[in-house]
Protein backbone atom coordinates (compact mmCIF):
# COMPACT_ATOMS: atom_id res chain seq x y z
CA UNK A 1 0.00 0.00 0.00
CA UNK A 2 2.93 2.28 0.56
CA UNK A 3 3.56 2.32 -3.20
CA UNK A 4 0.07 3.51 -4.19
CA UNK A 5 0.64 7.21 -3.44
CA UNK A 6 3.87 7.10 -5.44
CA UNK A 7 2.05 5.67 -8.47
CA UNK A 8 -0.62 8.32 -8.12
CA UNK A 9 2.08 10.97 -7.91
CA UNK A 10 3.72 9.68 -11.11
CA UNK A 11 0.37 9.64 -12.90
CA UNK A 12 -0.13 13.21 -11.82
CA UNK A 13 3.27 14.19 -13.22
CA UNK A 14 2.46 12.48 -16.53
CA UNK A 15 -0.86 14.27 -16.71
CA UNK A 16 0.87 17.60 -16.05
CA UNK A 17 3.11 17.00 -19.09
CA UNK A 18 0.22 16.42 -21.51
CA UNK A 19 -0.76 20.10 -21.81
CA UNK A 20 2.85 21.01 -22.57
CA UNK A 21 3.05 18.35 -25.31
CA UNK A 22 -0.22 19.61 -26.76
CA UNK A 23 1.16 23.14 -26.77
CA UNK A 24 4.28 22.01 -28.64
CA UNK A 25 2.17 20.19 -31.25
CA UNK A 26 0.00 23.26 -31.69
CA UNK A 27 3.04 25.51 -32.13
CA UNK A 28 4.55 23.12 -34.67
CA UNK A 29 1.34 23.04 -36.67
CA UNK A 30 1.16 26.81 -36.52
CA UNK A 31 4.70 27.14 -37.89
CA UNK A 32 3.92 24.72 -40.72
CA UNK A 33 0.77 26.64 -41.64
CA UNK A 34 2.68 29.92 -41.61
CA UNK A 35 5.32 28.46 -43.92
CA UNK A 36 2.70 27.10 -46.30
CA UNK A 37 0.96 30.47 -46.35
CA UNK A 38 4.26 32.24 -47.04
CA UNK A 39 5.03 29.79 -49.86
CA UNK A 40 1.60 30.32 -51.42
CA UNK A 41 1.99 34.08 -51.11
CA UNK A 42 5.53 34.44 -52.45
CA UNK A 43 5.67 31.48 -54.87
CA UNK A 44 4.07 33.29 -57.85
CA UNK A 45 6.08 36.44 -57.13
CA UNK A 46 9.31 34.44 -57.07
CA UNK A 47 8.54 33.09 -60.56
CA UNK A 48 7.80 36.62 -61.83
CA UNK A 49 11.04 37.88 -60.29
CA UNK A 50 13.04 35.09 -61.93
CA UNK A 51 11.58 35.87 -65.36
CA UNK A 52 12.31 39.57 -64.85
CA UNK A 53 15.92 38.84 -63.89
CA UNK A 54 16.42 36.63 -66.95
CA UNK A 55 14.96 39.34 -69.18
CA UNK A 56 17.17 41.96 -67.58
CA UNK A 57 20.25 39.79 -68.11
CA UNK A 58 19.39 39.32 -71.79
CA UNK A 59 18.83 43.06 -72.23
CA UNK A 60 22.12 43.84 -70.52
CA UNK A 61 23.91 41.31 -72.75
CA UNK A 62 22.44 42.81 -75.94
CA UNK A 63 23.21 46.33 -74.77
CA UNK A 64 26.84 45.38 -74.11
CA UNK A 65 27.13 43.92 -77.62
CA UNK A 66 25.73 47.09 -79.21
CA UNK A 67 28.28 49.20 -77.36
CA UNK A 68 31.18 47.39 -79.03
CA UNK A 69 32.82 49.03 -82.00
CA UNK A 70 32.44 47.27 -85.39
CA UNK A 71 35.96 45.75 -85.16
CA UNK A 72 35.18 44.49 -81.65
CA UNK A 73 31.86 43.03 -82.80
CA UNK A 74 33.74 41.19 -85.54
CA UNK A 75 36.21 39.91 -82.95
CA UNK A 76 33.39 38.72 -80.71
CA UNK A 77 31.71 36.96 -83.64
CA UNK A 78 34.99 35.25 -84.42
CA UNK A 79 35.55 33.81 -80.96
CA UNK A 80 32.24 33.66 -79.11
CA UNK A 81 31.48 30.04 -80.06
CA UNK A 82 34.62 28.91 -78.29
CA UNK A 83 33.60 30.69 -75.07
CA UNK A 84 31.21 29.60 -72.35
CA UNK A 85 28.35 31.88 -71.38
CA UNK A 86 30.27 33.04 -68.32
CA UNK A 87 33.36 33.77 -70.41
CA UNK A 88 31.26 35.80 -72.85
CA UNK A 89 29.92 37.97 -70.02
CA UNK A 90 33.44 38.37 -68.62
CA UNK A 91 34.68 39.43 -72.05
CA UNK A 92 31.90 41.99 -72.47
CA UNK A 93 32.48 43.37 -68.98
CA UNK A 94 36.08 44.35 -69.76
CA UNK A 95 36.67 48.09 -69.79
CA UNK A 96 38.56 48.38 -73.09
CA UNK A 97 39.22 46.63 -76.39
CA UNK A 98 42.79 45.91 -75.31
CA UNK A 99 41.57 44.18 -72.15
CA UNK A 100 39.08 42.11 -74.14
CA UNK A 101 41.75 40.95 -76.59
CA UNK A 102 44.08 40.17 -73.69
CA UNK A 103 41.32 38.07 -72.13
CA UNK A 104 40.95 36.09 -75.36
CA UNK A 105 44.68 35.41 -75.28
CA UNK A 106 44.40 34.37 -71.66
CA UNK A 107 41.78 31.80 -72.70
CA UNK A 108 44.07 30.60 -75.48
CA UNK A 109 41.52 31.33 -78.21
CA UNK A 110 43.69 33.73 -80.20
CA UNK A 111 46.45 31.15 -80.29
CA UNK A 112 44.05 28.40 -81.40
CA UNK A 113 42.69 30.54 -84.20
CA UNK A 114 46.18 31.50 -85.38
CA UNK A 115 47.10 27.79 -85.44
CA UNK A 116 44.41 27.12 -88.06
CA UNK A 117 45.31 26.84 -91.73
CA UNK A 118 44.88 30.13 -93.67
CA UNK A 119 41.96 28.69 -95.64
CA UNK A 120 40.29 27.63 -92.39
CA UNK A 121 40.82 31.08 -90.89
CA UNK A 122 39.12 32.62 -93.90
CA UNK A 123 36.21 30.18 -93.59
CA UNK A 124 35.82 31.05 -89.90
CA UNK A 125 35.73 34.77 -90.74
CA UNK A 126 33.04 34.13 -93.36
CA UNK A 127 30.99 32.12 -90.85
CA UNK A 128 30.56 29.23 -93.28
CA UNK A 129 32.26 25.82 -93.20
CA UNK A 130 34.18 24.36 -96.11
CA UNK A 131 34.97 20.84 -97.19
CA UNK A 132 38.44 19.96 -95.93
CA UNK A 133 38.44 22.29 -92.93
CA UNK A 134 39.64 20.93 -89.60
CA UNK A 135 37.31 19.89 -86.80
CA UNK A 136 38.76 22.66 -84.62
CA UNK A 137 37.91 25.23 -87.28
CA UNK A 138 34.35 23.91 -87.44
CA UNK A 139 34.04 24.57 -83.71
CA UNK A 140 34.87 28.22 -84.41
CA UNK A 141 32.22 28.36 -87.14
CA UNK A 142 29.29 26.50 -85.59
CA UNK A 143 30.33 25.79 -82.02
CA UNK A 144 29.96 22.56 -80.11
CA UNK A 145 27.54 20.04 -81.70
CA UNK A 146 24.56 18.96 -79.64
CA UNK A 147 25.43 15.32 -80.35
CA UNK A 148 28.21 13.28 -81.91
CA UNK A 149 28.86 9.75 -83.12
CA UNK A 150 32.26 8.21 -83.72
CA UNK A 151 35.75 9.70 -83.38
CA UNK A 152 36.52 12.83 -85.38
CA UNK A 153 40.15 11.72 -85.70
CA UNK A 154 38.92 8.72 -87.72
CA UNK A 155 35.28 8.86 -88.84
CA UNK A 156 32.47 10.74 -87.11
CA UNK A 157 29.18 12.57 -87.40
CA UNK A 158 28.57 15.89 -85.64
CA UNK A 159 24.95 16.95 -85.31
CA UNK A 160 23.77 20.57 -85.06
CA UNK A 161 20.20 21.67 -84.44
CA UNK A 162 18.63 23.93 -87.02
CA UNK A 163 19.51 24.14 -90.68
CA UNK A 164 22.78 25.19 -92.27
CA UNK A 165 21.30 28.21 -94.06
CA UNK A 166 20.10 29.65 -90.76
CA UNK A 167 23.53 29.59 -89.15
CA UNK A 168 25.68 32.68 -89.51
CA UNK A 169 28.58 34.27 -87.58
CA UNK A 170 26.56 37.00 -85.85
CA UNK A 171 24.43 35.34 -83.21
CA UNK A 172 24.15 32.05 -85.12
CA UNK A 173 20.67 31.21 -83.75
CA UNK A 174 19.48 27.62 -83.56
CA UNK A 175 16.54 28.15 -85.88
CA UNK A 176 14.33 25.28 -86.93
CA UNK A 177 14.46 22.80 -84.08
CA UNK A 178 12.66 20.31 -86.35
CA UNK A 179 15.81 20.19 -88.50
CA UNK A 180 19.42 19.32 -87.93
CA UNK A 181 22.69 19.48 -89.81
CA UNK A 182 24.66 16.23 -90.04
CA UNK A 183 28.36 16.97 -90.58
CA UNK A 184 30.62 14.13 -91.73
CA UNK A 185 34.26 14.13 -90.59
CA UNK A 186 37.09 11.81 -91.55
CA UNK A 187 40.66 12.00 -90.25
CA UNK A 188 39.81 15.22 -88.43
CA UNK A 189 38.54 16.98 -91.58
CA UNK A 190 35.07 17.98 -92.75
CA UNK A 191 33.99 15.79 -95.64
CA UNK A 192 30.51 17.25 -96.10
CA UNK A 193 27.18 17.97 -94.44
CA UNK A 194 23.48 17.56 -95.14
CA UNK A 195 20.35 19.17 -93.73
CA UNK A 196 17.86 16.61 -92.45
CA UNK A 197 14.37 16.73 -90.97
CA UNK A 198 14.42 15.05 -87.58
CA UNK A 199 11.05 13.37 -88.02
CA UNK A 200 12.08 11.71 -91.29
CA UNK A 201 15.83 11.34 -90.85
CA UNK A 202 15.41 7.70 -89.87
CA UNK A 203 13.90 7.11 -93.34
CA UNK A 204 16.76 8.90 -95.06
CA UNK A 205 14.76 12.06 -95.75
CA UNK A 206 16.94 15.11 -96.28
CA UNK A 207 16.99 18.43 -97.98
CA UNK A 208 20.09 19.33 -99.91
CA UNK A 209 23.27 19.85 -97.94
CA UNK A 210 26.54 21.64 -98.30
CA UNK A 211 29.41 19.46 -99.41
CA UNK A 212 27.94 16.02 -99.71
CA UNK A 213 30.07 12.93 -99.34
């Protein structure tokens, strides 16, 4: 019988803890509801802000390009396909033409262009590939392909989205996502290319290309 009061006392202590536990649960639920409300309130605004920032970045990029002199625009068109997006912005943020050219040398792009054959250099300046040009020169003209097959040092295909006629040195937009350009390379040289329609390429459908095989 001496243990009965002790049990009652323990039950009383347990009962006294229940209100505190209930309070903690209520506070936790309140915090979760506040967070959900904040998410619902700011979620749409965050999306709008992101779109605005992307638009502002694009406008700033275009404005920086327009501020370049014609010789600098030609230089940018010559090298921009060998730069990443971050490197392009770094180039445009330089204070002078001399600093921009020095940055290209720092990246090694001037040296890579000068290492090209004279005919390849001329093709890069024109913004149009030629049969017999090196794979490295093609990267200056059209940039990195979106997909490849094989080894360019032996035999390979490089695939570019869009169509060859819509690719030019200034901006070189990927027009016509239903089309692609299939460039053939052998021994590190361009053998030819054809424009194909993606939906019918499996059946051999194509519209005339540049230098066919």
